[in-house]
Full PDB file with SEQRES, HELIX, SHEET, SSBOND, CRYST1, ORIGX, SCALE, CONECT and MASTER records, all heavy atoms in Angstrom:
SEQRES   1 A   40  GLY ASN TYR ALA GLY ARG LEU VAL PHE ASP ASP GLY HIS          
SEQRES   2 A   40  ALA THR GLY ILE PHE SER TRP ALA TYR LEU HIS ALA LEU          
SEQRES   3 A   40  GLY ARG GLU ARG GLU LYS ARG TRP SER ALA TYR LEU ASP          
SEQRES   4 A   40  ALA                                                          
HELIX    1 AA1 TRP A   20  ARG A   28  1                                   9    
HELIX    2 AA2 ARG A   30  ASP A   39  1                                  10    
SHEET    1 AA1 2 ALA A   4  GLY A   5  0                                        
SHEET    2 AA1 2 PHE A  18  SER A  19 -1                                        
CRYST1    1.000    1.000    1.000  90.00  90.00  90.00 P 1           1          
ORIGX1      1.000000  0.000000  0.000000        0.00000                         
ORIGX2      0.000000  1.000000  0.000000        0.00000                         
ORIGX3      0.000000  0.000000  1.000000        0.00000                         
SCALE1      1.000000  0.000000  0.000000        0.00000                         
SCALE2      0.000000  1.000000  0.000000        0.00000                         
SCALE3      0.000000  0.000000  1.000000        0.00000                         
ATOM      1  N   GLY A   1       9.577 -40.664   9.154  1.00  0.00           N  
ATOM      2  CA  GLY A   1       8.272 -40.409   8.562  1.00  0.00           C  
ATOM      3  C   GLY A   1       7.176 -40.766   9.554  1.00  0.00           C  
ATOM      4  O   GLY A   1       7.354 -40.654  10.769  1.00  0.00           O  
ATOM      5  N   ASN A   2       6.051 -41.217   9.028  1.00  0.00           N  
ATOM      6  CA  ASN A   2       4.928 -41.648   9.872  1.00  0.00           C  
ATOM      7  C   ASN A   2       4.836 -43.155   9.984  1.00  0.00           C  
ATOM      8  O   ASN A   2       3.926 -43.665  10.616  1.00  0.00           O  
ATOM      9  CB  ASN A   2       3.607 -41.115   9.299  1.00  0.00           C  
ATOM     10  CG  ASN A   2       3.494 -39.625   9.445  1.00  0.00           C  
ATOM     11  OD1 ASN A   2       3.926 -39.057  10.441  1.00  0.00           O  
ATOM     12  ND2 ASN A   2       2.926 -38.977   8.443  1.00  0.00           N  
ATOM     13  N   TYR A   3       5.771 -43.871   9.351  1.00  0.00           N  
ATOM     14  CA  TYR A   3       5.618 -45.312   9.218  1.00  0.00           C  
ATOM     15  C   TYR A   3       6.623 -46.152  10.005  1.00  0.00           C  
ATOM     16  O   TYR A   3       6.468 -47.362  10.115  1.00  0.00           O  
ATOM     17  CB  TYR A   3       5.709 -45.707   7.740  1.00  0.00           C  
ATOM     18  CG  TYR A   3       7.080 -45.477   7.141  1.00  0.00           C  
ATOM     19  CD1 TYR A   3       8.029 -46.485   7.118  1.00  0.00           C  
ATOM     20  CD2 TYR A   3       7.430 -44.222   6.626  1.00  0.00           C  
ATOM     21  CE1 TYR A   3       9.282 -46.273   6.591  1.00  0.00           C  
ATOM     22  CE2 TYR A   3       8.676 -44.005   6.089  1.00  0.00           C  
ATOM     23  CZ  TYR A   3       9.601 -45.029   6.074  1.00  0.00           C  
ATOM     24  OH  TYR A   3      10.850 -44.806   5.554  1.00  0.00           O  
ATOM     25  N   ALA A   4       7.677 -45.541  10.561  1.00  0.00           N  
ATOM     26  CA  ALA A   4       8.730 -46.367  11.152  1.00  0.00           C  
ATOM     27  C   ALA A   4       9.533 -45.591  12.187  1.00  0.00           C  
ATOM     28  O   ALA A   4       9.359 -44.387  12.364  1.00  0.00           O  
ATOM     29  CB  ALA A   4       9.669 -46.877  10.055  1.00  0.00           C  
ATOM     30  N   GLY A   5      10.411 -46.324  12.844  1.00  0.00           N  
ATOM     31  CA  GLY A   5      11.328 -45.717  13.792  1.00  0.00           C  
ATOM     32  C   GLY A   5      12.698 -46.357  13.683  1.00  0.00           C  
ATOM     33  O   GLY A   5      12.825 -47.522  13.292  1.00  0.00           O  
ATOM     34  N   ARG A   6      13.711 -45.574  13.984  1.00  0.00           N  
ATOM     35  CA  ARG A   6      15.087 -46.075  14.045  1.00  0.00           C  
ATOM     36  C   ARG A   6      15.436 -46.190  15.522  1.00  0.00           C  
ATOM     37  O   ARG A   6      15.317 -45.232  16.283  1.00  0.00           O  
ATOM     38  CB  ARG A   6      16.051 -45.103  13.374  1.00  0.00           C  
ATOM     39  CG  ARG A   6      17.511 -45.532  13.466  1.00  0.00           C  
ATOM     40  CD  ARG A   6      18.500 -44.483  12.972  1.00  0.00           C  
ATOM     41  NE  ARG A   6      18.029 -43.688  11.859  1.00  0.00           N  
ATOM     42  CZ  ARG A   6      18.079 -44.040  10.574  1.00  0.00           C  
ATOM     43  NH1 ARG A   6      18.610 -45.198  10.236  1.00  0.00           N  
ATOM     44  NH2 ARG A   6      17.619 -43.247   9.628  1.00  0.00           N  
ATOM     45  N   LEU A   7      15.843 -47.376  15.937  1.00  0.00           N  
ATOM     46  CA  LEU A   7      16.243 -47.590  17.322  1.00  0.00           C  
ATOM     47  C   LEU A   7      17.733 -47.287  17.456  1.00  0.00           C  
ATOM     48  O   LEU A   7      18.538 -47.786  16.672  1.00  0.00           O  
ATOM     49  CB  LEU A   7      15.976 -49.038  17.740  1.00  0.00           C  
ATOM     50  CG  LEU A   7      14.537 -49.522  17.634  1.00  0.00           C  
ATOM     51  CD1 LEU A   7      14.435 -50.960  18.108  1.00  0.00           C  
ATOM     52  CD2 LEU A   7      13.590 -48.630  18.404  1.00  0.00           C  
ATOM     53  N   VAL A   8      18.071 -46.478  18.446  1.00  0.00           N  
ATOM     54  CA  VAL A   8      19.465 -46.149  18.736  1.00  0.00           C  
ATOM     55  C   VAL A   8      19.788 -46.769  20.098  1.00  0.00           C  
ATOM     56  O   VAL A   8      19.133 -46.465  21.101  1.00  0.00           O  
ATOM     57  CB  VAL A   8      19.693 -44.621  18.772  1.00  0.00           C  
ATOM     58  CG1 VAL A   8      21.137 -44.303  19.112  1.00  0.00           C  
ATOM     59  CG2 VAL A   8      19.293 -43.991  17.436  1.00  0.00           C  
ATOM     60  N   PHE A   9      20.779 -47.652  20.102  1.00  0.00           N  
ATOM     61  CA  PHE A   9      21.136 -48.380  21.314  1.00  0.00           C  
ATOM     62  C   PHE A   9      22.336 -47.730  21.998  1.00  0.00           C  
ATOM     63  O   PHE A   9      23.139 -47.051  21.350  1.00  0.00           O  
ATOM     64  CB  PHE A   9      21.455 -49.837  20.967  1.00  0.00           C  
ATOM     65  CG  PHE A   9      20.269 -50.570  20.404  1.00  0.00           C  
ATOM     66  CD1 PHE A   9      20.024 -50.586  19.040  1.00  0.00           C  
ATOM     67  CD2 PHE A   9      19.383 -51.222  21.236  1.00  0.00           C  
ATOM     68  CE1 PHE A   9      18.925 -51.240  18.507  1.00  0.00           C  
ATOM     69  CE2 PHE A   9      18.279 -51.890  20.720  1.00  0.00           C  
ATOM     70  CZ  PHE A   9      18.050 -51.894  19.348  1.00  0.00           C  
ATOM     71  N   ASP A  10      22.466 -47.966  23.278  1.00  0.00           N  
ATOM     72  CA  ASP A  10      23.552 -47.333  24.032  1.00  0.00           C  
ATOM     73  C   ASP A  10      24.935 -47.914  23.734  1.00  0.00           C  
ATOM     74  O   ASP A  10      25.938 -47.377  24.194  1.00  0.00           O  
ATOM     75  CB  ASP A  10      23.274 -47.333  25.535  1.00  0.00           C  
ATOM     76  CG  ASP A  10      23.182 -48.711  26.155  1.00  0.00           C  
ATOM     77  OD1 ASP A  10      23.305 -49.732  25.430  1.00  0.00           O  
ATOM     78  OD2 ASP A  10      22.970 -48.776  27.372  1.00  0.00           O  
ATOM     79  N   ASP A  11      25.002 -48.968  22.919  1.00  0.00           N  
ATOM     80  CA  ASP A  11      26.308 -49.491  22.489  1.00  0.00           C  
ATOM     81  C   ASP A  11      26.729 -48.893  21.151  1.00  0.00           C  
ATOM     82  O   ASP A  11      27.713 -49.303  20.552  1.00  0.00           O  
ATOM     83  CB  ASP A  11      26.292 -51.019  22.418  1.00  0.00           C  
ATOM     84  CG  ASP A  11      25.427 -51.578  21.300  1.00  0.00           C  
ATOM     85  OD1 ASP A  11      24.654 -50.811  20.681  1.00  0.00           O  
ATOM     86  OD2 ASP A  11      25.509 -52.794  21.050  1.00  0.00           O  
ATOM     87  N   GLY A  12      25.948 -47.896  20.655  1.00  0.00           N  
ATOM     88  CA  GLY A  12      26.287 -47.222  19.419  1.00  0.00           C  
ATOM     89  C   GLY A  12      25.623 -47.797  18.183  1.00  0.00           C  
ATOM     90  O   GLY A  12      25.675 -47.212  17.112  1.00  0.00           O  
ATOM     91  N   HIS A  13      24.971 -48.927  18.301  1.00  0.00           N  
ATOM     92  CA  HIS A  13      24.315 -49.565  17.166  1.00  0.00           C  
ATOM     93  C   HIS A  13      23.043 -48.795  16.836  1.00  0.00           C  
ATOM     94  O   HIS A  13      22.208 -48.577  17.700  1.00  0.00           O  
ATOM     95  CB  HIS A  13      23.998 -51.021  17.520  1.00  0.00           C  
ATOM     96  CG  HIS A  13      23.305 -51.762  16.443  1.00  0.00           C  
ATOM     97  ND1 HIS A  13      22.318 -52.660  16.708  1.00  0.00           N  
ATOM     98  CD2 HIS A  13      23.445 -51.738  15.106  1.00  0.00           C  
ATOM     99  CE1 HIS A  13      21.888 -53.174  15.575  1.00  0.00           C  
ATOM    100  NE2 HIS A  13      22.553 -52.627  14.593  1.00  0.00           N  
ATOM    101  N   ALA A  14      22.922 -48.354  15.589  1.00  0.00           N  
ATOM    102  CA  ALA A  14      21.743 -47.575  15.193  1.00  0.00           C  
ATOM    103  C   ALA A  14      21.332 -47.867  13.749  1.00  0.00           C  
ATOM    104  O   ALA A  14      20.689 -47.046  13.115  1.00  0.00           O  
ATOM    105  CB  ALA A  14      22.021 -46.087  15.364  1.00  0.00           C  
ATOM    106  N   THR A  15      21.714 -49.024  13.230  1.00  0.00           N  
ATOM    107  CA  THR A  15      21.332 -49.355  11.863  1.00  0.00           C  
ATOM    108  C   THR A  15      19.984 -50.051  11.879  1.00  0.00           C  
ATOM    109  O   THR A  15      19.642 -50.757  12.819  1.00  0.00           O  
ATOM    110  CB  THR A  15      22.383 -50.262  11.192  1.00  0.00           C  
ATOM    111  OG1 THR A  15      22.531 -51.451  11.967  1.00  0.00           O  
ATOM    112  CG2 THR A  15      23.713 -49.563  11.075  1.00  0.00           C  
ATOM    113  N   GLY A  16      19.234 -49.844  10.862  1.00  0.00           N  
ATOM    114  CA  GLY A  16      17.939 -50.496  10.735  1.00  0.00           C  
ATOM    115  C   GLY A  16      16.793 -49.558  11.035  1.00  0.00           C  
ATOM    116  O   GLY A  16      16.851 -48.754  11.955  1.00  0.00           O  
ATOM    117  N   ILE A  17      15.777 -49.660  10.215  1.00  0.00           N  
ATOM    118  CA  ILE A  17      14.538 -48.923  10.395  1.00  0.00           C  
ATOM    119  C   ILE A  17      13.444 -49.964  10.535  1.00  0.00           C  
ATOM    120  O   ILE A  17      13.353 -50.902   9.737  1.00  0.00           O  
ATOM    121  CB  ILE A  17      14.282 -47.998   9.187  1.00  0.00           C  
ATOM    122  CG1 ILE A  17      15.388 -46.943   9.107  1.00  0.00           C  
ATOM    123  CG2 ILE A  17      12.914 -47.343   9.287  1.00  0.00           C  
ATOM    124  CD1 ILE A  17      15.332 -46.087   7.857  1.00  0.00           C  
ATOM    125  N   PHE A  18      12.618 -49.804  11.538  1.00  0.00           N  
ATOM    126  CA  PHE A  18      11.587 -50.789  11.845  1.00  0.00           C  
ATOM    127  C   PHE A  18      10.217 -50.137  11.767  1.00  0.00           C  
ATOM    128  O   PHE A  18       9.992 -49.083  12.365  1.00  0.00           O  
ATOM    129  CB  PHE A  18      11.812 -51.372  13.246  1.00  0.00           C  
ATOM    130  CG  PHE A  18      13.174 -51.959  13.425  1.00  0.00           C  
ATOM    131  CD1 PHE A  18      14.211 -51.192  13.926  1.00  0.00           C  
ATOM    132  CD2 PHE A  18      13.432 -53.268  13.066  1.00  0.00           C  
ATOM    133  CE1 PHE A  18      15.482 -51.720  14.086  1.00  0.00           C  
ATOM    134  CE2 PHE A  18      14.709 -53.808  13.210  1.00  0.00           C  
ATOM    135  CZ  PHE A  18      15.726 -53.035  13.727  1.00  0.00           C  
ATOM    136  N   SER A  19       9.292 -50.766  11.053  1.00  0.00           N  
ATOM    137  CA  SER A  19       7.943 -50.208  10.954  1.00  0.00           C  
ATOM    138  C   SER A  19       7.287 -50.254  12.331  1.00  0.00           C  
ATOM    139  O   SER A  19       7.613 -51.094  13.172  1.00  0.00           O  
ATOM    140  CB  SER A  19       7.107 -50.993   9.945  1.00  0.00           C  
ATOM    141  OG  SER A  19       6.746 -52.262  10.470  1.00  0.00           O  
ATOM    142  N   TRP A  20       6.345 -49.330  12.525  1.00  0.00           N  
ATOM    143  CA  TRP A  20       5.623 -49.330  13.806  1.00  0.00           C  
ATOM    144  C   TRP A  20       4.871 -50.639  13.977  1.00  0.00           C  
ATOM    145  O   TRP A  20       4.775 -51.174  15.088  1.00  0.00           O  
ATOM    146  CB  TRP A  20       4.678 -48.134  13.888  1.00  0.00           C  
ATOM    147  CG  TRP A  20       5.388 -46.813  13.840  1.00  0.00           C  
ATOM    148  CD1 TRP A  20       5.203 -45.833  12.907  1.00  0.00           C  
ATOM    149  CD2 TRP A  20       6.404 -46.323  14.739  1.00  0.00           C  
ATOM    150  NE1 TRP A  20       6.041 -44.770  13.171  1.00  0.00           N  
ATOM    151  CE2 TRP A  20       6.790 -45.046  14.292  1.00  0.00           C  
ATOM    152  CE3 TRP A  20       7.032 -46.846  15.863  1.00  0.00           C  
ATOM    153  CZ2 TRP A  20       7.753 -44.276  14.921  1.00  0.00           C  
ATOM    154  CZ3 TRP A  20       8.003 -46.076  16.491  1.00  0.00           C  
ATOM    155  CH2 TRP A  20       8.351 -44.823  16.035  1.00  0.00           C  
ATOM    156  N   ALA A  21       4.356 -51.212  12.875  1.00  0.00           N  
ATOM    157  CA  ALA A  21       3.644 -52.491  12.951  1.00  0.00           C  
ATOM    158  C   ALA A  21       4.583 -53.609  13.422  1.00  0.00           C  
ATOM    159  O   ALA A  21       4.196 -54.453  14.238  1.00  0.00           O  
ATOM    160  CB  ALA A  21       3.040 -52.840  11.589  1.00  0.00           C  
ATOM    161  N   TYR A  22       5.820 -53.619  12.916  1.00  0.00           N  
ATOM    162  CA  TYR A  22       6.780 -54.641  13.329  1.00  0.00           C  
ATOM    163  C   TYR A  22       7.149 -54.473  14.807  1.00  0.00           C  
ATOM    164  O   TYR A  22       7.203 -55.450  15.554  1.00  0.00           O  
ATOM    165  CB  TYR A  22       8.036 -54.576  12.461  1.00  0.00           C  
ATOM    166  CG  TYR A  22       9.077 -55.586  12.860  1.00  0.00           C  
ATOM    167  CD1 TYR A  22       8.881 -56.943  12.650  1.00  0.00           C  
ATOM    168  CD2 TYR A  22      10.269 -55.181  13.469  1.00  0.00           C  
ATOM    169  CE1 TYR A  22       9.837 -57.878  13.030  1.00  0.00           C  
ATOM    170  CE2 TYR A  22      11.225 -56.109  13.842  1.00  0.00           C  
ATOM    171  CZ  TYR A  22      11.007 -57.449  13.623  1.00  0.00           C  
ATOM    172  OH  TYR A  22      11.938 -58.365  14.010  1.00  0.00           O  
ATOM    173  N   LEU A  23       7.384 -53.240  15.230  1.00  0.00           N  
ATOM    174  CA  LEU A  23       7.710 -52.998  16.640  1.00  0.00           C  
ATOM    175  C   LEU A  23       6.546 -53.407  17.539  1.00  0.00           C  
ATOM    176  O   LEU A  23       6.753 -53.983  18.618  1.00  0.00           O  
ATOM    177  CB  LEU A  23       8.087 -51.533  16.858  1.00  0.00           C  
ATOM    178  CG  LEU A  23       9.394 -51.105  16.199  1.00  0.00           C  
ATOM    179  CD1 LEU A  23       9.570 -49.594  16.308  1.00  0.00           C  
ATOM    180  CD2 LEU A  23      10.585 -51.826  16.786  1.00  0.00           C  
ATOM    181  N   HIS A  24       5.329 -53.162  17.090  1.00  0.00           N  
ATOM    182  CA  HIS A  24       4.151 -53.588  17.850  1.00  0.00           C  
ATOM    183  C   HIS A  24       4.107 -55.115  17.956  1.00  0.00           C  
ATOM    184  O   HIS A  24       3.832 -55.667  19.021  1.00  0.00           O  
ATOM    185  CB  HIS A  24       2.882 -53.044  17.195  1.00  0.00           C  
ATOM    186  CG  HIS A  24       1.649 -53.373  17.955  1.00  0.00           C  
ATOM    187  ND1 HIS A  24       0.828 -54.416  17.621  1.00  0.00           N  
ATOM    188  CD2 HIS A  24       1.107 -52.797  19.055  1.00  0.00           C  
ATOM    189  CE1 HIS A  24      -0.166 -54.480  18.470  1.00  0.00           C  
ATOM    190  NE2 HIS A  24      -0.021 -53.504  19.357  1.00  0.00           N  
ATOM    191  N   ALA A  25       4.395 -55.799  16.836  1.00  0.00           N  
ATOM    192  CA  ALA A  25       4.413 -57.269  16.841  1.00  0.00           C  
ATOM    193  C   ALA A  25       5.478 -57.801  17.792  1.00  0.00           C  
ATOM    194  O   ALA A  25       5.255 -58.804  18.474  1.00  0.00           O  
ATOM    195  CB  ALA A  25       4.648 -57.802  15.428  1.00  0.00           C  
ATOM    196  N   LEU A  26       6.646 -57.146  17.855  1.00  0.00           N  
ATOM    197  CA  LEU A  26       7.688 -57.580  18.799  1.00  0.00           C  
ATOM    198  C   LEU A  26       7.182 -57.539  20.233  1.00  0.00           C  
ATOM    199  O   LEU A  26       7.429 -58.456  21.017  1.00  0.00           O  
ATOM    200  CB  LEU A  26       8.941 -56.695  18.676  1.00  0.00           C  
ATOM    201  CG  LEU A  26       9.779 -56.850  17.422  1.00  0.00           C  
ATOM    202  CD1 LEU A  26      10.950 -55.870  17.461  1.00  0.00           C  
ATOM    203  CD2 LEU A  26      10.282 -58.269  17.260  1.00  0.00           C  
ATOM    204  N   GLY A  27       6.471 -56.472  20.571  1.00  0.00           N  
ATOM    205  CA  GLY A  27       5.913 -56.372  21.921  1.00  0.00           C  
ATOM    206  C   GLY A  27       4.811 -57.385  22.159  1.00  0.00           C  
ATOM    207  O   GLY A  27       4.759 -58.032  23.210  1.00  0.00           O  
ATOM    208  N   ARG A  28       3.939 -57.555  21.190  1.00  0.00           N  
ATOM    209  CA  ARG A  28       2.808 -58.470  21.320  1.00  0.00           C  
ATOM    210  C   ARG A  28       3.281 -59.924  21.425  1.00  0.00           C  
ATOM    211  O   ARG A  28       2.701 -60.724  22.154  1.00  0.00           O  
ATOM    212  CB  ARG A  28       1.884 -58.288  20.116  1.00  0.00           C  
ATOM    213  CG  ARG A  28       0.574 -59.022  20.200  1.00  0.00           C  
ATOM    214  CD  ARG A  28      -0.323 -58.779  18.985  1.00  0.00           C  
ATOM    215  NE  ARG A  28       0.333 -59.235  17.768  1.00  0.00           N  
ATOM    216  CZ  ARG A  28       0.677 -58.446  16.745  1.00  0.00           C  
ATOM    217  NH1 ARG A  28       0.449 -57.151  16.788  1.00  0.00           N  
ATOM    218  NH2 ARG A  28       1.264 -58.949  15.676  1.00  0.00           N  
ATOM    219  N   GLU A  29       4.360 -60.266  20.719  1.00  0.00           N  
ATOM    220  CA  GLU A  29       4.853 -61.649  20.679  1.00  0.00           C  
ATOM    221  C   GLU A  29       6.135 -61.825  21.477  1.00  0.00           C  
ATOM    222  O   GLU A  29       6.925 -62.734  21.207  1.00  0.00           O  
ATOM    223  CB  GLU A  29       5.089 -62.043  19.219  1.00  0.00           C  
ATOM    224  CG  GLU A  29       3.849 -61.945  18.357  1.00  0.00           C  
ATOM    225  CD  GLU A  29       4.144 -62.059  16.875  1.00  0.00           C  
ATOM    226  OE1 GLU A  29       5.315 -62.278  16.499  1.00  0.00           O  
ATOM    227  OE2 GLU A  29       3.199 -61.920  16.086  1.00  0.00           O  
ATOM    228  N   ARG A  30       6.334 -60.972  22.471  1.00  0.00           N  
ATOM    229  CA  ARG A  30       7.590 -60.942  23.215  1.00  0.00           C  
ATOM    230  C   ARG A  30       8.003 -62.303  23.761  1.00  0.00           C  
ATOM    231  O   ARG A  30       9.128 -62.737  23.569  1.00  0.00           O  
ATOM    232  CB  ARG A  30       7.523 -59.939  24.356  1.00  0.00           C  
ATOM    233  CG  ARG A  30       8.835 -59.868  25.118  1.00  0.00           C  
ATOM    234  CD  ARG A  30       8.712 -59.071  26.401  1.00  0.00           C  
ATOM    235  NE  ARG A  30       9.978 -58.928  27.079  1.00  0.00           N  
ATOM    236  CZ  ARG A  30      10.553 -59.873  27.819  1.00  0.00           C  
ATOM    237  NH1 ARG A  30       9.980 -61.050  27.955  1.00  0.00           N  
ATOM    238  NH2 ARG A  30      11.717 -59.665  28.401  1.00  0.00           N  
ATOM    239  N   GLU A  31       7.121 -62.972  24.463  1.00  0.00           N  
ATOM    240  CA  GLU A  31       7.480 -64.242  25.110  1.00  0.00           C  
ATOM    241  C   GLU A  31       7.934 -65.287  24.094  1.00  0.00           C  
ATOM    242  O   GLU A  31       8.953 -65.940  24.286  1.00  0.00           O  
ATOM    243  CB  GLU A  31       6.311 -64.761  25.945  1.00  0.00           C  
ATOM    244  CG  GLU A  31       5.969 -63.884  27.132  1.00  0.00           C  
ATOM    245  CD  GLU A  31       7.137 -63.672  28.083  1.00  0.00           C  
ATOM    246  OE1 GLU A  31       7.903 -64.620  28.327  1.00  0.00           O  
ATOM    247  OE2 GLU A  31       7.279 -62.538  28.579  1.00  0.00           O  
ATOM    248  N   LYS A  32       7.189 -65.435  23.012  1.00  0.00           N  
ATOM    249  CA  LYS A  32       7.529 -66.425  21.981  1.00  0.00           C  
ATOM    250  C   LYS A  32       8.861 -66.077  21.318  1.00  0.00           C  
ATOM    251  O   LYS A  32       9.725 -66.940  21.144  1.00  0.00           O  
ATOM    252  CB  LYS A  32       6.416 -66.484  20.940  1.00  0.00           C  
ATOM    253  CG  LYS A  32       6.680 -67.458  19.812  1.00  0.00           C  
ATOM    254  CD  LYS A  32       5.519 -67.529  18.846  1.00  0.00           C  
ATOM    255  CE  LYS A  32       5.557 -66.323  17.943  1.00  0.00           C  
ATOM    256  NZ  LYS A  32       4.603 -66.407  16.826  1.00  0.00           N  
ATOM    257  N   ARG A  33       9.034 -64.807  20.968  1.00  0.00           N  
ATOM    258  CA  ARG A  33      10.260 -64.383  20.289  1.00  0.00           C  
ATOM    259  C   ARG A  33      11.473 -64.454  21.219  1.00  0.00           C  
ATOM    260  O   ARG A  33      12.565 -64.816  20.791  1.00  0.00           O  
ATOM    261  CB  ARG A  33      10.094 -62.980  19.721  1.00  0.00           C  
ATOM    262  CG  ARG A  33       9.148 -62.942  18.545  1.00  0.00           C  
ATOM    263  CD  ARG A  33       8.903 -61.520  18.087  1.00  0.00           C  
ATOM    264  NE  ARG A  33       8.032 -61.432  16.952  1.00  0.00           N  
ATOM    265  CZ  ARG A  33       8.436 -61.281  15.699  1.00  0.00           C  
ATOM    266  NH1 ARG A  33       9.720 -61.201  15.420  1.00  0.00           N  
ATOM    267  NH2 ARG A  33       7.569 -61.198  14.720  1.00  0.00           N  
ATOM    268  N   TRP A  34      11.285 -64.113  22.494  1.00  0.00           N  
ATOM    269  CA  TRP A  34      12.389 -64.154  23.454  1.00  0.00           C  
ATOM    270  C   TRP A  34      12.869 -65.589  23.638  1.00  0.00           C  
ATOM    271  O   TRP A  34      14.065 -65.861  23.658  1.00  0.00           O  
ATOM    272  CB  TRP A  34      11.970 -63.546  24.790  1.00  0.00           C  
ATOM    273  CG  TRP A  34      13.117 -63.402  25.727  1.00  0.00           C  
ATOM    274  CD1 TRP A  34      13.348 -64.118  26.861  1.00  0.00           C  
ATOM    275  CD2 TRP A  34      14.206 -62.482  25.619  1.00  0.00           C  
ATOM    276  NE1 TRP A  34      14.518 -63.706  27.453  1.00  0.00           N  
ATOM    277  CE2 TRP A  34      15.066 -62.707  26.708  1.00  0.00           C  
ATOM    278  CE3 TRP A  34      14.546 -61.504  24.696  1.00  0.00           C  
ATOM    279  CZ2 TRP A  34      16.231 -61.976  26.901  1.00  0.00           C  
ATOM    280  CZ3 TRP A  34      15.710 -60.784  24.890  1.00  0.00           C  
ATOM    281  CH2 TRP A  34      16.530 -61.024  25.990  1.00  0.00           C  
ATOM    282  N   SER A  35      11.925 -66.505  23.756  1.00  0.00           N  
ATOM    283  CA  SER A  35      12.269 -67.917  23.910  1.00  0.00           C  
ATOM    284  C   SER A  35      13.033 -68.422  22.682  1.00  0.00           C  
ATOM    285  O   SER A  35      14.036 -69.133  22.816  1.00  0.00           O  
ATOM    286  CB  SER A  35      10.994 -68.732  24.117  1.00  0.00           C  
ATOM    287  OG  SER A  35      11.293 -70.093  24.260  1.00  0.00           O  
ATOM    288  N   ALA A  36      12.579 -68.037  21.488  1.00  0.00           N  
ATOM    289  CA  ALA A  36      13.262 -68.458  20.257  1.00  0.00           C  
ATOM    290  C   ALA A  36      14.670 -67.866  20.197  1.00  0.00           C  
ATOM    291  O   ALA A  36      15.613 -68.543  19.761  1.00  0.00           O  
ATOM    292  CB  ALA A  36      12.450 -68.030  19.036  1.00  0.00           C  
ATOM    293  N   TYR A  37      14.821 -66.624  20.634  1.00  0.00           N  
ATOM    294  CA  TYR A  37      16.144 -65.971  20.664  1.00  0.00           C  
ATOM    295  C   TYR A  37      17.097 -66.729  21.591  1.00  0.00           C  
ATOM    296  O   TYR A  37      18.232 -67.026  21.219  1.00  0.00           O  
ATOM    297  CB  TYR A  37      15.989 -64.523  21.116  1.00  0.00           C  
ATOM    298  CG  TYR A  37      17.265 -63.856  21.555  1.00  0.00           C  
ATOM    299  CD1 TYR A  37      18.254 -63.515  20.634  1.00  0.00           C  
ATOM    300  CD2 TYR A  37      17.494 -63.559  22.891  1.00  0.00           C  
ATOM    301  CE1 TYR A  37      19.431 -62.899  21.039  1.00  0.00           C  
ATOM    302  CE2 TYR A  37      18.657 -62.936  23.301  1.00  0.00           C  
ATOM    303  CZ  TYR A  37      19.621 -62.613  22.366  1.00  0.00           C  
ATOM    304  OH  TYR A  37      20.783 -62.013  22.778  1.00  0.00           O  
ATOM    305  N   LEU A  38      16.637 -67.050  22.790  1.00  0.00           N  
ATOM    306  CA  LEU A  38      17.484 -67.777  23.745  1.00  0.00           C  
ATOM    307  C   LEU A  38      17.846 -69.161  23.216  1.00  0.00           C  
ATOM    308  O   LEU A  38      18.979 -69.612  23.373  1.00  0.00           O  
ATOM    309  CB  LEU A  38      16.789 -67.872  25.103  1.00  0.00           C  
ATOM    310  CG  LEU A  38      16.592 -66.553  25.837  1.00  0.00           C  
ATOM    311  CD1 LEU A  38      15.808 -66.788  27.132  1.00  0.00           C  
ATOM    312  CD2 LEU A  38      17.904 -65.844  26.113  1.00  0.00           C  
ATOM    313  N   ASP A  39      16.895 -69.832  22.576  1.00  0.00           N  
ATOM    314  CA  ASP A  39      17.165 -71.149  21.974  1.00  0.00           C  
ATOM    315  C   ASP A  39      18.210 -71.029  20.871  1.00  0.00           C  
ATOM    316  O   ASP A  39      19.100 -71.879  20.752  1.00  0.00           O  
ATOM    317  CB  ASP A  39      15.882 -71.766  21.416  1.00  0.00           C  
ATOM    318  CG  ASP A  39      14.913 -72.219  22.496  1.00  0.00           C  
ATOM    319  OD1 ASP A  39      15.328 -72.314  23.682  1.00  0.00           O  
ATOM    320  OD2 ASP A  39      13.739 -72.458  22.156  1.00  0.00           O  
ATOM    321  N   ALA A  40      18.118 -69.983  20.048  1.00  0.00           N  
ATOM    322  CA  ALA A  40      19.080 -69.783  18.956  1.00  0.00           C  
ATOM    323  C   ALA A  40      20.478 -69.514  19.501  1.00  0.00           C  
ATOM    324  O   ALA A  40      21.471 -70.034  18.978  1.00  0.00           O  
ATOM    325  CB  ALA A  40      18.628 -68.641  18.047  1.00  0.00           C  
TER     326      ALA A  40                                                      
MASTER        0    0    0    2    2    0    0    6  325    1    0    4          
END                                                                             
């Protein structure tokens, strides 16, 4: 639609629909989220 995108990865994983706002937030908060991911 006009509200989201489905990411298709090269390992075959393609589940999940992400709003454009959420994808924008991932980019905007990349450093903080990446650090939290590595810590987890």
